[in-house]
Amino acid sequence: MNCVFCRIASGEIKTDLVHADDEIVAFRDLNPQAPTHLLVIPRRHVATTNDLSPEDAPLVGRLALVARDIARRLGFADAGYRLVLNCNADGGQSVLHVHMHLLAGRQMAWPPG
């Protein structure tokens, strides 16, 4: 498989890791849209949220909990942050591997995009 996020998760591509455990990896986005912009991904390849099954609910929950823990550890949980999951091209997904954006460090506008 030639998925760049799978290659990051396996350690084949080195990156600025912020978190790593048996299921989840988080790292800094190469094209940040906020002062803090991290990607939180499952190690297991799932292309889009459309490909998630009911059995993946704990995995999706872990993505959110890891993002929360990172926000606390890096000191911006109380100020606030945004979590984003994009799905397919019209949703803004550019890498076909489920990933959660964790954005912080500035006031977020609404509506997004």
C-alpha atoms as a PDB file:
ATOM      1  CA  MET A   1       0.000   0.000   0.000  1.00  0.00           C
ATOM      2  CA  ASN A   2       1.282   3.458  -0.850  1.00  0.00           C
ATOM      3  CA  CYS A   3      -0.740   5.426   1.720  1.00  0.00           C
ATOM      4  CA  VAL A   4       1.423   8.207   3.143  1.00  0.00           C
ATOM      5  CA  PHE A   5      -0.346   8.064   6.527  1.00  0.00           C
ATOM      6  CA  CYS A   6       0.164   4.285   6.748  1.00  0.00           C
ATOM      7  CA  ARG A   7       3.841   4.890   6.031  1.00  0.00           C
ATOM      8  CA  ILE A   8       3.979   7.516   8.803  1.00  0.00           C
ATOM      9  CA  ALA A   9       2.121   5.217  11.221  1.00  0.00           C
ATOM     10  CA  SER A  10       4.549   2.370  10.515  1.00  0.00           C
ATOM     11  CA  GLY A  11       7.588   4.619  11.010  1.00  0.00           C
ATOM     12  CA  GLU A  12       8.694   4.303   7.390  1.00  0.00           C
ATOM     13  CA  ILE A  13       8.313   8.078   6.994  1.00  0.00           C
ATOM     14  CA  LYS A  14       9.687  10.100   9.878  1.00  0.00           C
ATOM     15  CA  THR A  15       7.646  13.032  11.168  1.00  0.00           C
ATOM     16  CA  ASP A  16       7.203  15.219  14.233  1.00  0.00           C
ATOM     17  CA  LEU A  17       5.226  12.754  16.377  1.00  0.00           C
ATOM     18  CA  VAL A  18       3.208  14.214  19.237  1.00  0.00           C
ATOM     19  CA  HIS A  19       1.583  10.924  20.258  1.00  0.00           C
ATOM     20  CA  ALA A  20       2.029   7.244  19.438  1.00  0.00           C
ATOM     21  CA  ASP A  21       0.427   4.135  20.913  1.00  0.00           C
ATOM     22  CA  ASP A  22      -0.698   0.759  19.572  1.00  0.00           C
ATOM     23  CA  GLU A  23      -3.761   2.206  17.777  1.00  0.00           C
ATOM     24  CA  ILE A  24      -3.266   5.946  17.268  1.00  0.00           C
ATOM     25  CA  VAL A  25      -0.541   8.272  15.986  1.00  0.00           C
ATOM     26  CA  ALA A  26      -0.614  12.084  16.073  1.00  0.00           C
ATOM     27  CA  PHE A  27       1.783  14.391  14.274  1.00  0.00           C
ATOM     28  CA  ARG A  28       2.134  17.980  13.083  1.00  0.00           C
ATOM     29  CA  ASP A  29       0.481  18.896   9.770  1.00  0.00           C
ATOM     30  CA  LEU A  30       2.956  19.930   7.065  1.00  0.00           C
ATOM     31  CA  ASN A  31       0.573  22.687   5.900  1.00  0.00           C
ATOM     32  CA  PRO A  32      -0.728  24.129   9.189  1.00  0.00           C
ATOM     33  CA  GLN A  33      -3.944  26.135   9.170  1.00  0.00           C
ATOM     34  CA  ALA A  34      -3.525  27.295  12.780  1.00  0.00           C
ATOM     35  CA  PRO A  35      -0.589  27.838  15.150  1.00  0.00           C
ATOM     36  CA  THR A  36      -1.174  24.282  16.350  1.00  0.00           C
ATOM     37  CA  HIS A  37      -2.387  21.904  13.633  1.00  0.00           C
ATOM     38  CA  LEU A  38      -2.033  18.208  14.344  1.00  0.00           C
ATOM     39  CA  LEU A  39      -3.350  15.131  12.562  1.00  0.00           C
ATOM     40  CA  VAL A  40      -4.620  12.257  14.699  1.00  0.00           C
ATOM     41  CA  ILE A  41      -4.834   9.000  12.754  1.00  0.00           C
ATOM     42  CA  PRO A  42      -5.519   5.329  13.364  1.00  0.00           C
ATOM     43  CA  ARG A  43      -2.585   3.052  12.589  1.00  0.00           C
ATOM     44  CA  ARG A  44      -5.018   0.756  10.766  1.00  0.00           C
ATOM     45  CA  HIS A  45      -5.912   1.954   7.291  1.00  0.00           C
ATOM     46  CA  VAL A  46      -9.497   3.080   6.833  1.00  0.00           C
ATOM     47  CA  ALA A  47      -9.885   5.269   3.745  1.00  0.00           C
ATOM     48  CA  THR A  48     -12.820   7.520   4.700  1.00  0.00           C
ATOM     49  CA  THR A  49     -15.484   7.887   7.361  1.00  0.00           C
ATOM     50  CA  ASN A  50     -17.816   6.211   4.847  1.00  0.00           C
ATOM     51  CA  ASP A  51     -15.697   3.075   5.291  1.00  0.00           C
ATOM     52  CA  LEU A  52     -16.057   2.934   9.068  1.00  0.00           C
ATOM     53  CA  SER A  53     -18.184   0.114  10.462  1.00  0.00           C
ATOM     54  CA  PRO A  54     -20.140  -0.003  13.729  1.00  0.00           C
ATOM     55  CA  GLU A  55     -17.234  -2.008  15.143  1.00  0.00           C
ATOM     56  CA  ASP A  56     -15.000   1.042  14.571  1.00  0.00           C
ATOM     57  CA  ALA A  57     -16.927   3.210  17.063  1.00  0.00           C
ATOM     58  CA  PRO A  58     -14.333   2.638  19.825  1.00  0.00           C
ATOM     59  CA  LEU A  59     -11.555   3.625  17.411  1.00  0.00           C
ATOM     60  CA  VAL A  60     -13.277   6.884  16.467  1.00  0.00           C
ATOM     61  CA  GLY A  61     -13.860   7.581  20.143  1.00  0.00           C
ATOM     62  CA  ARG A  62     -10.173   7.002  20.845  1.00  0.00           C
ATOM     63  CA  LEU A  63      -9.228   9.519  18.137  1.00  0.00           C
ATOM     64  CA  ALA A  64     -11.268  12.163  19.968  1.00  0.00           C
ATOM     65  CA  LEU A  65      -9.924  11.181  23.397  1.00  0.00           C
ATOM     66  CA  VAL A  66      -6.316  11.231  22.206  1.00  0.00           C
ATOM     67  CA  ALA A  67      -6.940  14.693  20.701  1.00  0.00           C
ATOM     68  CA  ARG A  68      -8.389  15.833  24.027  1.00  0.00           C
ATOM     69  CA  ASP A  69      -5.405  14.467  25.928  1.00  0.00           C
ATOM     70  CA  ILE A  70      -2.982  16.214  23.559  1.00  0.00           C
ATOM     71  CA  ALA A  71      -4.875  19.498  24.006  1.00  0.00           C
ATOM     72  CA  ARG A  72      -4.556  19.155  27.768  1.00  0.00           C
ATOM     73  CA  ARG A  73      -0.885  18.173  27.622  1.00  0.00           C
ATOM     74  CA  LEU A  74       0.033  21.035  25.265  1.00  0.00           C
ATOM     75  CA  GLY A  75      -1.926  23.534  27.363  1.00  0.00           C
ATOM     76  CA  PHE A  76      -4.668  24.775  25.074  1.00  0.00           C
ATOM     77  CA  ALA A  77      -7.646  22.673  26.211  1.00  0.00           C
ATOM     78  CA  ASP A  78      -9.184  25.436  28.313  1.00  0.00           C
ATOM     79  CA  ALA A  79      -8.709  28.143  25.654  1.00  0.00           C
ATOM     80  CA  GLY A  80     -10.350  25.874  23.070  1.00  0.00           C
ATOM     81  CA  TYR A  81      -9.633  23.924  19.931  1.00  0.00           C
ATOM     82  CA  ARG A  82     -11.375  22.492  16.887  1.00  0.00           C
ATOM     83  CA  LEU A  83     -11.606  18.849  15.799  1.00  0.00           C
ATOM     84  CA  VAL A  84     -12.397  18.155  12.142  1.00  0.00           C
ATOM     85  CA  LEU A  85     -13.006  14.956  10.171  1.00  0.00           C
ATOM     86  CA  ASN A  86     -13.228  15.484   6.411  1.00  0.00           C
ATOM     87  CA  CYS A  87     -14.733  12.900   4.054  1.00  0.00           C
ATOM     88  CA  ASN A  88     -13.849  12.612   0.363  1.00  0.00           C
ATOM     89  CA  ALA A  89     -12.964  15.389  -2.074  1.00  0.00           C
ATOM     90  CA  ASP A  90     -15.950  17.717  -1.575  1.00  0.00           C
ATOM     91  CA  GLY A  91     -15.480  17.409   2.184  1.00  0.00           C
ATOM     92  CA  GLY A  92     -11.857  18.497   1.889  1.00  0.00           C
ATOM     93  CA  GLN A  93     -10.175  15.109   2.430  1.00  0.00           C
ATOM     94  CA  SER A  94      -6.878  15.070   0.531  1.00  0.00           C
ATOM     95  CA  VAL A  95      -5.362  11.864   1.983  1.00  0.00           C
ATOM     96  CA  LEU A  96      -7.550   8.775   1.832  1.00  0.00           C
ATOM     97  CA  HIS A  97      -6.849   7.591   5.372  1.00  0.00           C
ATOM     98  CA  VAL A  98      -9.224   8.638   8.143  1.00  0.00           C
ATOM     99  CA  HIS A  99      -7.677  11.475  10.108  1.00  0.00           C
ATOM    100  CA  MET A 100      -8.834  14.018  12.635  1.00  0.00           C
ATOM    101  CA  HIS A 101      -7.470  17.563  12.460  1.00  0.00           C
ATOM    102  CA  LEU A 102      -6.733  19.167  15.817  1.00  0.00           C
ATOM    103  CA  LEU A 103      -6.481  22.947  15.387  1.00  0.00           C
ATOM    104  CA  ALA A 104      -5.725  25.477  18.112  1.00  0.00           C
ATOM    105  CA  GLY A 105      -3.933  28.690  18.945  1.00  0.00           C
ATOM    106  CA  ARG A 106      -6.250  31.166  17.237  1.00  0.00           C
ATOM    107  CA  GLN A 107      -9.930  32.099  17.148  1.00  0.00           C
ATOM    108  CA  MET A 108     -11.736  29.796  14.719  1.00  0.00           C
ATOM    109  CA  ALA A 109     -14.197  31.342  12.278  1.00  0.00           C
ATOM    110  CA  TRP A 110     -17.701  30.078  11.637  1.00  0.00           C
ATOM    111  CA  PRO A 111     -18.877  28.858   9.251  1.00  0.00           C
ATOM    112  CA  PRO A 112     -15.741  26.973   8.278  1.00  0.00           C
ATOM    113  CA  GLY A 113     -14.580  26.616   4.688  1.00  0.00           C
END
